[in-house]
C-alpha atoms as a PDB file:
ATOM      1  CA  MET A   1       6.904  48.903  29.734  1.00  0.00           C
ATOM      2  CA  SER A   2       6.032  47.835  26.158  1.00  0.00           C
ATOM      3  CA  ILE A   3       8.248  45.435  24.235  1.00  0.00           C
ATOM      4  CA  LYS A   4       7.452  44.492  20.625  1.00  0.00           C
ATOM      5  CA  PRO A   5       5.320  41.324  20.463  1.00  0.00           C
ATOM      6  CA  ASP A   6       7.768  39.461  18.212  1.00  0.00           C
ATOM      7  CA  LEU A   7      10.523  39.920  20.806  1.00  0.00           C
ATOM      8  CA  ARG A   8       8.526  38.769  23.816  1.00  0.00           C
ATOM      9  CA  ALA A   9       8.568  34.969  23.348  1.00  0.00           C
ATOM     10  CA  PRO A  10      12.145  34.347  24.572  1.00  0.00           C
ATOM     11  CA  LEU A  11      11.592  36.735  27.470  1.00  0.00           C
ATOM     12  CA  PHE A  12       8.529  34.791  28.602  1.00  0.00           C
ATOM     13  CA  VAL A  13      10.687  31.648  28.766  1.00  0.00           C
ATOM     14  CA  LEU A  14      13.499  33.317  30.723  1.00  0.00           C
ATOM     15  CA  TYR A  15      11.148  35.036  33.164  1.00  0.00           C
ATOM     16  CA  ALA A  16       9.278  31.760  33.725  1.00  0.00           C
ATOM     17  CA  PHE A  17      12.617  30.041  34.430  1.00  0.00           C
ATOM     18  CA  ASN A  18      13.551  32.823  36.844  1.00  0.00           C
ATOM     19  CA  LEU A  19      10.229  32.433  38.633  1.00  0.00           C
ATOM     20  CA  GLU A  20      10.700  28.672  38.939  1.00  0.00           C
ATOM     21  CA  ILE A  21      14.129  28.929  40.575  1.00  0.00           C
ATOM     22  CA  ALA A  22      13.111  31.912  42.709  1.00  0.00           C
ATOM     23  CA  ARG A  23      10.228  30.031  44.285  1.00  0.00           C
ATOM     24  CA  ALA A  24      12.163  26.786  44.779  1.00  0.00           C
ATOM     25  CA  ALA A  25      13.118  27.633  48.355  1.00  0.00           C
ATOM     26  CA  TRP A  26       9.636  28.741  49.334  1.00  0.00           C
ATOM     27  CA  ALA A  27       7.654  25.839  47.856  1.00  0.00           C
ATOM     28  CA  SER A  28       8.325  23.614  50.859  1.00  0.00           C
ATOM     29  CA  GLN A  29       9.477  23.806  54.471  1.00  0.00           C
ATOM     30  CA  GLU A  30      12.047  21.113  53.683  1.00  0.00           C
ATOM     31  CA  PRO A  31      15.363  22.481  52.340  1.00  0.00           C
ATOM     32  CA  MET A  32      15.989  19.154  50.620  1.00  0.00           C
ATOM     33  CA  VAL A  33      12.946  19.700  48.414  1.00  0.00           C
ATOM     34  CA  GLY A  34      14.267  23.079  47.352  1.00  0.00           C
ATOM     35  CA  GLN A  35      17.687  21.589  46.629  1.00  0.00           C
ATOM     36  CA  MET A  36      16.080  18.948  44.425  1.00  0.00           C
ATOM     37  CA  ARG A  37      14.143  21.580  42.519  1.00  0.00           C
ATOM     38  CA  LEU A  38      17.270  23.633  41.915  1.00  0.00           C
ATOM     39  CA  GLN A  39      19.214  20.555  40.837  1.00  0.00           C
ATOM     40  CA  PHE A  40      16.447  19.757  38.361  1.00  0.00           C
ATOM     41  CA  TRP A  41      16.995  23.161  36.703  1.00  0.00           C
ATOM     42  CA  ARG A  42      20.752  22.751  36.778  1.00  0.00           C
ATOM     43  CA  ASP A  43      20.337  19.462  34.927  1.00  0.00           C
ATOM     44  CA  ILE A  44      18.157  21.124  32.299  1.00  0.00           C
ATOM     45  CA  VAL A  45      20.777  23.792  31.688  1.00  0.00           C
ATOM     46  CA  THR A  46      23.728  21.402  31.550  1.00  0.00           C
ATOM     47  CA  GLN A  47      21.854  18.869  29.400  1.00  0.00           C
ATOM     48  CA  ALA A  48      20.178  21.347  27.052  1.00  0.00           C
ATOM     49  CA  ASP A  49      21.844  19.801  23.998  1.00  0.00           C
ATOM     50  CA  GLU A  50      20.396  16.415  24.923  1.00  0.00           C
ATOM     51  CA  ASN A  51      16.931  17.738  25.884  1.00  0.00           C
ATOM     52  CA  GLY A  52      16.600  14.859  28.347  1.00  0.00           C
ATOM     53  CA  SER A  53      15.274  16.118  31.682  1.00  0.00           C
ATOM     54  CA  ALA A  54      13.483  18.998  29.927  1.00  0.00           C
ATOM     55  CA  ARG A  55      11.485  16.820  27.563  1.00  0.00           C
ATOM     56  CA  TYR A  56       8.102  16.991  29.278  1.00  0.00           C
ATOM     57  CA  HIS A  57       8.383  20.165  31.362  1.00  0.00           C
ATOM     58  CA  GLU A  58       6.305  23.162  30.273  1.00  0.00           C
ATOM     59  CA  VAL A  59       9.132  25.613  31.046  1.00  0.00           C
ATOM     60  CA  GLY A  60      12.148  23.337  30.873  1.00  0.00           C
ATOM     61  CA  ARG A  61      11.569  22.243  27.298  1.00  0.00           C
ATOM     62  CA  PRO A  62      11.302  25.755  25.778  1.00  0.00           C
ATOM     63  CA  LEU A  63      14.257  26.835  27.921  1.00  0.00           C
ATOM     64  CA  ALA A  64      16.399  24.028  26.503  1.00  0.00           C
ATOM     65  CA  VAL A  65      15.343  25.016  22.988  1.00  0.00           C
ATOM     66  CA  LEU A  66      16.122  28.668  23.690  1.00  0.00           C
ATOM     67  CA  ILE A  67      19.574  27.791  25.047  1.00  0.00           C
ATOM     68  CA  ARG A  68      20.379  25.913  21.856  1.00  0.00           C
ATOM     69  CA  GLU A  69      18.879  28.363  19.382  1.00  0.00           C
ATOM     70  CA  LYS A  70      20.261  31.549  20.962  1.00  0.00           C
ATOM     71  CA  ARG A  71      23.440  29.953  22.335  1.00  0.00           C
ATOM     72  CA  LEU A  72      22.652  31.430  25.708  1.00  0.00           C
ATOM     73  CA  ASP A  73      25.340  31.865  28.317  1.00  0.00           C
ATOM     74  CA  THR A  74      24.880  28.650  30.318  1.00  0.00           C
ATOM     75  CA  GLU A  75      27.384  29.797  32.925  1.00  0.00           C
ATOM     76  CA  ALA A  76      25.158  32.788  33.670  1.00  0.00           C
ATOM     77  CA  LEU A  77      22.128  30.496  33.896  1.00  0.00           C
ATOM     78  CA  ASP A  78      23.982  28.253  36.333  1.00  0.00           C
ATOM     79  CA  GLN A  79      24.994  31.275  38.414  1.00  0.00           C
ATOM     80  CA  MET A  80      21.327  32.234  38.681  1.00  0.00           C
ATOM     81  CA  ILE A  81      20.494  28.769  40.001  1.00  0.00           C
ATOM     82  CA  THR A  82      23.436  28.629  42.400  1.00  0.00           C
ATOM     83  CA  ALA A  83      22.545  32.014  43.869  1.00  0.00           C
ATOM     84  CA  ARG A  84      19.148  30.643  44.923  1.00  0.00           C
ATOM     85  CA  TRP A  85      20.836  28.414  47.494  1.00  0.00           C
ATOM     86  CA  TRP A  86      20.947  31.593  49.586  1.00  0.00           C
ATOM     87  CA  ASP A  87      17.152  31.440  49.779  1.00  0.00           C
ATOM     88  CA  LEU A  88      17.389  27.905  51.144  1.00  0.00           C
ATOM     89  CA  ASN A  89      19.997  28.655  53.774  1.00  0.00           C
ATOM     90  CA  LYS A  90      18.746  32.147  54.721  1.00  0.00           C
ATOM     91  CA  ASP A  91      22.274  33.056  55.730  1.00  0.00           C
ATOM     92  CA  GLY A  92      23.407  36.626  56.050  1.00  0.00           C
ATOM     93  CA  PHE A  93      26.092  38.097  53.826  1.00  0.00           C
ATOM     94  CA  ASP A  94      29.599  38.071  55.277  1.00  0.00           C
ATOM     95  CA  ALA A  95      30.823  40.990  53.161  1.00  0.00           C
ATOM     96  CA  PRO A  96      29.356  43.763  50.982  1.00  0.00           C
ATOM     97  CA  GLU A  97      30.918  42.028  47.965  1.00  0.00           C
ATOM     98  CA  ALA A  98      28.853  38.918  48.709  1.00  0.00           C
ATOM     99  CA  PHE A  99      25.665  40.970  48.753  1.00  0.00           C
ATOM    100  CA  ARG A 100      26.518  42.594  45.439  1.00  0.00           C
ATOM    101  CA  ALA A 101      27.402  39.217  43.932  1.00  0.00           C
ATOM    102  CA  GLN A 102      23.940  37.910  44.848  1.00  0.00           C
ATOM    103  CA  ILE A 103      22.188  40.703  42.944  1.00  0.00           C
ATOM    104  CA  GLU A 104      24.571  40.390  40.004  1.00  0.00           C
ATOM    105  CA  ALA A 105      24.041  36.627  39.797  1.00  0.00           C
ATOM    106  CA  THR A 106      20.259  36.893  39.833  1.00  0.00           C
ATOM    107  CA  ALA A 107      18.904  40.164  38.406  1.00  0.00           C
ATOM    108  CA  GLY A 108      22.118  41.092  36.601  1.00  0.00           C
ATOM    109  CA  ASN A 109      22.318  37.787  34.782  1.00  0.00           C
ATOM    110  CA  LEU A 110      18.606  37.741  33.992  1.00  0.00           C
ATOM    111  CA  MET A 111      18.945  41.078  32.191  1.00  0.00           C
ATOM    112  CA  TRP A 112      22.075  39.900  30.371  1.00  0.00           C
ATOM    113  CA  LEU A 113      20.457  36.655  29.235  1.00  0.00           C
ATOM    114  CA  SER A 114      17.331  38.498  28.150  1.00  0.00           C
ATOM    115  CA  ALA A 115      19.469  40.911  26.144  1.00  0.00           C
ATOM    116  CA  GLN A 116      21.422  38.000  24.648  1.00  0.00           C
ATOM    117  CA  ALA A 117      18.188  36.278  23.634  1.00  0.00           C
ATOM    118  CA  LEU A 118      17.247  39.433  21.702  1.00  0.00           C
ATOM    119  CA  GLY A 119      20.567  39.670  19.902  1.00  0.00           C
ATOM    120  CA  ALA A 120      23.015  41.359  22.279  1.00  0.00           C
ATOM    121  CA  GLY A 121      26.665  40.393  21.987  1.00  0.00           C
ATOM    122  CA  GLU A 122      29.438  39.905  24.501  1.00  0.00           C
ATOM    123  CA  THR A 123      30.388  43.580  24.275  1.00  0.00           C
ATOM    124  CA  ASP A 124      26.912  44.451  25.582  1.00  0.00           C
ATOM    125  CA  ARG A 125      27.166  42.260  28.666  1.00  0.00           C
ATOM    126  CA  SER A 126      28.456  44.900  31.091  1.00  0.00           C
ATOM    127  CA  LEU A 127      25.770  47.422  30.149  1.00  0.00           C
ATOM    128  CA  ALA A 128      22.957  44.870  30.434  1.00  0.00           C
ATOM    129  CA  GLN A 129      24.211  43.620  33.792  1.00  0.00           C
ATOM    130  CA  THR A 130      24.497  47.178  35.116  1.00  0.00           C
ATOM    131  CA  TRP A 131      20.849  47.821  34.294  1.00  0.00           C
ATOM    132  CA  GLY A 132      19.884  44.445  35.720  1.00  0.00           C
ATOM    133  CA  PHE A 133      21.750  45.151  38.933  1.00  0.00           C
ATOM    134  CA  ALA A 134      19.980  48.491  39.360  1.00  0.00           C
ATOM    135  CA  GLN A 135      16.612  46.856  38.791  1.00  0.00           C
ATOM    136  CA  GLY A 136      17.474  43.989  41.125  1.00  0.00           C
ATOM    137  CA  LEU A 137      18.725  46.247  43.904  1.00  0.00           C
ATOM    138  CA  ALA A 138      15.556  48.342  43.805  1.00  0.00           C
ATOM    139  CA  ALA A 139      13.404  45.190  43.929  1.00  0.00           C
ATOM    140  CA  TRP A 140      15.550  43.738  46.736  1.00  0.00           C
ATOM    141  CA  PHE A 141      15.098  46.898  48.800  1.00  0.00           C
ATOM    142  CA  GLN A 142      11.332  46.572  48.346  1.00  0.00           C
ATOM    143  CA  ALA A 143      11.445  42.939  49.493  1.00  0.00           C
ATOM    144  CA  VAL A 144      13.499  43.525  52.650  1.00  0.00           C
ATOM    145  CA  PRO A 145      10.590  43.556  55.174  1.00  0.00           C
ATOM    146  CA  GLU A 146       9.097  40.355  53.748  1.00  0.00           C
ATOM    147  CA  LEU A 147      12.462  38.588  53.657  1.00  0.00           C
ATOM    148  CA  GLU A 148      13.050  39.518  57.284  1.00  0.00           C
ATOM    149  CA  LYS A 149       9.658  38.093  58.214  1.00  0.00           C
ATOM    150  CA  ARG A 150      10.727  34.811  56.585  1.00  0.00           C
ATOM    151  CA  GLY A 151      13.827  34.611  58.776  1.00  0.00           C
ATOM    152  CA  CYS A 152      16.360  35.943  56.284  1.00  0.00           C
ATOM    153  CA  ARG A 153      19.014  38.588  56.788  1.00  0.00           C
ATOM    154  CA  PRO A 154      18.736  40.319  53.428  1.00  0.00           C
ATOM    155  CA  LEU A 155      21.246  43.142  53.916  1.00  0.00           C
ATOM    156  CA  TYR A 156      24.896  43.073  54.887  1.00  0.00           C
ATOM    157  CA  ASP A 157      24.433  46.486  56.501  1.00  0.00           C
ATOM    158  CA  GLY A 158      20.876  47.701  57.047  1.00  0.00           C
ATOM    159  CA  ARG A 159      21.742  51.114  58.422  1.00  0.00           C
ATOM    160  CA  PRO A 160      20.186  54.026  56.511  1.00  0.00           C
ATOM    161  CA  ALA A 161      23.585  55.413  55.526  1.00  0.00           C
ATOM    162  CA  ALA A 162      24.631  52.067  54.036  1.00  0.00           C
ATOM    163  CA  ILE A 163      21.363  51.716  52.110  1.00  0.00           C
ATOM    164  CA  SER A 164      21.710  55.239  50.769  1.00  0.00           C
ATOM    165  CA  GLY A 165      25.279  54.500  49.698  1.00  0.00           C
ATOM    166  CA  LEU A 166      24.263  51.363  47.816  1.00  0.00           C
ATOM    167  CA  ALA A 167      21.513  53.233  46.007  1.00  0.00           C
ATOM    168  CA  ARG A 168      23.800  56.117  45.058  1.00  0.00           C
ATOM    169  CA  ALA A 169      26.492  53.787  43.736  1.00  0.00           C
ATOM    170  CA  ALA A 170      23.984  51.885  41.574  1.00  0.00           C
ATOM    171  CA  LEU A 171      22.573  55.169  40.272  1.00  0.00           C
ATOM    172  CA  SER A 172      26.052  56.357  39.348  1.00  0.00           C
ATOM    173  CA  ASP A 173      26.779  53.146  37.443  1.00  0.00           C
ATOM    174  CA  LEU A 174      23.422  53.350  35.669  1.00  0.00           C
ATOM    175  CA  ARG A 175      23.957  56.946  34.569  1.00  0.00           C
ATOM    176  CA  ASN A 176      27.384  56.119  33.173  1.00  0.00           C
ATOM    177  CA  THR A 177      25.901  53.703  30.638  1.00  0.00           C
ATOM    178  CA  LYS A 178      24.858  54.665  27.131  1.00  0.00           C
ATOM    179  CA  PRO A 179      22.581  52.076  25.515  1.00  0.00           C
ATOM    180  CA  PRO A 180      23.167  51.701  21.762  1.00  0.00           C
ATOM    181  CA  ARG A 181      20.451  51.909  19.150  1.00  0.00           C
ATOM    182  CA  ALA A 182      19.694  48.214  18.826  1.00  0.00           C
ATOM    183  CA  PRO A 183      16.545  46.060  19.095  1.00  0.00           C
ATOM    184  CA  TRP A 184      17.833  44.224  22.174  1.00  0.00           C
ATOM    185  CA  THR A 185      17.857  47.407  24.260  1.00  0.00           C
ATOM    186  CA  MET A 186      14.073  47.139  24.470  1.00  0.00           C
ATOM    187  CA  VAL A 187      14.636  44.669  27.302  1.00  0.00           C
ATOM    188  CA  LEU A 188      16.148  47.487  29.361  1.00  0.00           C
ATOM    189  CA  ARG A 189      12.657  48.978  29.530  1.00  0.00           C
ATOM    190  CA  THR A 190      11.781  46.344  32.122  1.00  0.00           C
ATOM    191  CA  ALA A 191      13.947  48.377  34.515  1.00  0.00           C
ATOM    192  CA  TRP A 192      11.838  51.499  34.079  1.00  0.00           C
ATOM    193  CA  GLN A 193      11.228  51.908  37.822  1.00  0.00           C
ATOM    194  CA  ALA A 194      14.817  51.309  38.936  1.00  0.00           C
ATOM    195  CA  GLU A 195      16.169  54.850  38.715  1.00  0.00           C
ATOM    196  CA  PRO A 196      13.353  56.648  40.568  1.00  0.00           C
ATOM    197  CA  LEU A 197      13.168  53.936  43.238  1.00  0.00           C
ATOM    198  CA  LEU A 198      16.908  54.128  43.842  1.00  0.00           C
ATOM    199  CA  LYS A 199      16.713  57.918  44.014  1.00  0.00           C
ATOM    200  CA  LEU A 200      14.037  57.537  46.667  1.00  0.00           C
ATOM    201  CA  ALA A 201      16.119  54.989  48.596  1.00  0.00           C
ATOM    202  CA  ALA A 202      19.149  57.271  48.437  1.00  0.00           C
ATOM    203  CA  LYS A 203      17.178  60.242  49.723  1.00  0.00           C
ATOM    204  CA  GLU A 204      14.933  58.444  52.234  1.00  0.00           C
ATOM    205  CA  PRO A 205      16.626  55.120  53.086  1.00  0.00           C
ATOM    206  CA  GLN A 206      14.335  54.481  56.061  1.00  0.00           C
ATOM    207  CA  ARG A 207      11.612  53.651  53.553  1.00  0.00           C
ATOM    208  CA  VAL A 208      13.353  50.305  52.956  1.00  0.00           C
ATOM    209  CA  ALA A 209      12.923  49.113  56.540  1.00  0.00           C
ATOM    210  CA  ASP A 210       9.410  50.576  56.665  1.00  0.00           C
ATOM    211  CA  GLY A 211       8.293  48.750  53.525  1.00  0.00           C
ATOM    212  CA  ALA A 212       7.417  52.093  51.955  1.00  0.00           C
ATOM    213  CA  LEU A 213       9.745  52.152  48.948  1.00  0.00           C
ATOM    214  CA  ALA A 214       7.267  52.672  46.121  1.00  0.00           C
ATOM    215  CA  LEU A 215       6.361  55.188  43.452  1.00  0.00           C
ATOM    216  CA  SER A 216       3.038  56.987  43.442  1.00  0.00           C
ATOM    217  CA  GLU A 217       0.585  56.075  40.696  1.00  0.00           C
ATOM    218  CA  PHE A 218       1.013  59.549  39.260  1.00  0.00           C
ATOM    219  CA  HIS A 219       4.787  59.132  39.130  1.00  0.00           C
ATOM    220  CA  LYS A 220       4.446  55.720  37.467  1.00  0.00           C
ATOM    221  CA  LYS A 221       2.081  57.002  34.775  1.00  0.00           C
ATOM    222  CA  ARG A 222       4.206  60.074  34.100  1.00  0.00           C
ATOM    223  CA  ARG A 223       7.357  57.995  33.746  1.00  0.00           C
ATOM    224  CA  LEU A 224       5.675  55.456  31.471  1.00  0.00           C
ATOM    225  CA  PHE A 225       4.341  58.278  29.298  1.00  0.00           C
ATOM    226  CA  PHE A 226       7.795  59.847  29.039  1.00  0.00           C
ATOM    227  CA  LYS A 227       9.408  56.521  28.129  1.00  0.00           C
ATOM    228  CA  ALA A 228       6.786  55.818  25.472  1.00  0.00           C
ATOM    229  CA  LEU A 229       7.129  59.333  24.056  1.00  0.00           C
ATOM    230  CA  THR A 230      10.923  59.266  23.768  1.00  0.00           C
ATOM    231  CA  GLY A 231      11.376  55.579  22.990  1.00  0.00           C
ATOM    232  CA  ARG A 232      14.256  55.410  25.454  1.00  0.00           C
ATOM    233  CA  PRO A 233      14.923  52.374  27.700  1.00  0.00           C
END
């Protein structure tokens, strides 16, 4: 989904940071290596004002600059890093609240930080995180088969009824939001597949286990055309 060129630079930095911490657990078979990688990013976030550990890193340096210039929510950044310890441990979730917290800490915070980098204020946080959660849940559902192959237990309750319930709840939250007319809402366009994917998961939850949660090319093109035509997130 198109975002104006002059607004893309901070998003490139945040998405690159997200990619770095997301792949930390999978870059080595040794958990200690992943822990060191995550600690490196935690140091960058906590020392952004000093620019020490970020000085020579191709992603760390622009991230530190972005944190300072946009006064990004460093607590949200730290939550994103902390949540990636789940990838290292591959533990299951001991409660549905823990599963939700994982999506909120990762995808929810990424959307909030992206919105903040484009000018969103504290009053916009809840809306941005709601959209991020919907996007993250849809992506998580798509990743379930691969995560299971890697020895993870990605769902607290993998029964079709539970999956359908999660999708319906996220859809309800998404539909109850009303994005304002502001430049930052362009970042919500990155979640353009969330609603139809969640509708599909709600209606046919078995698709999650089967690795078949995806939109047809026709559906993708039609939705992109509609979004471009209306200018809506």
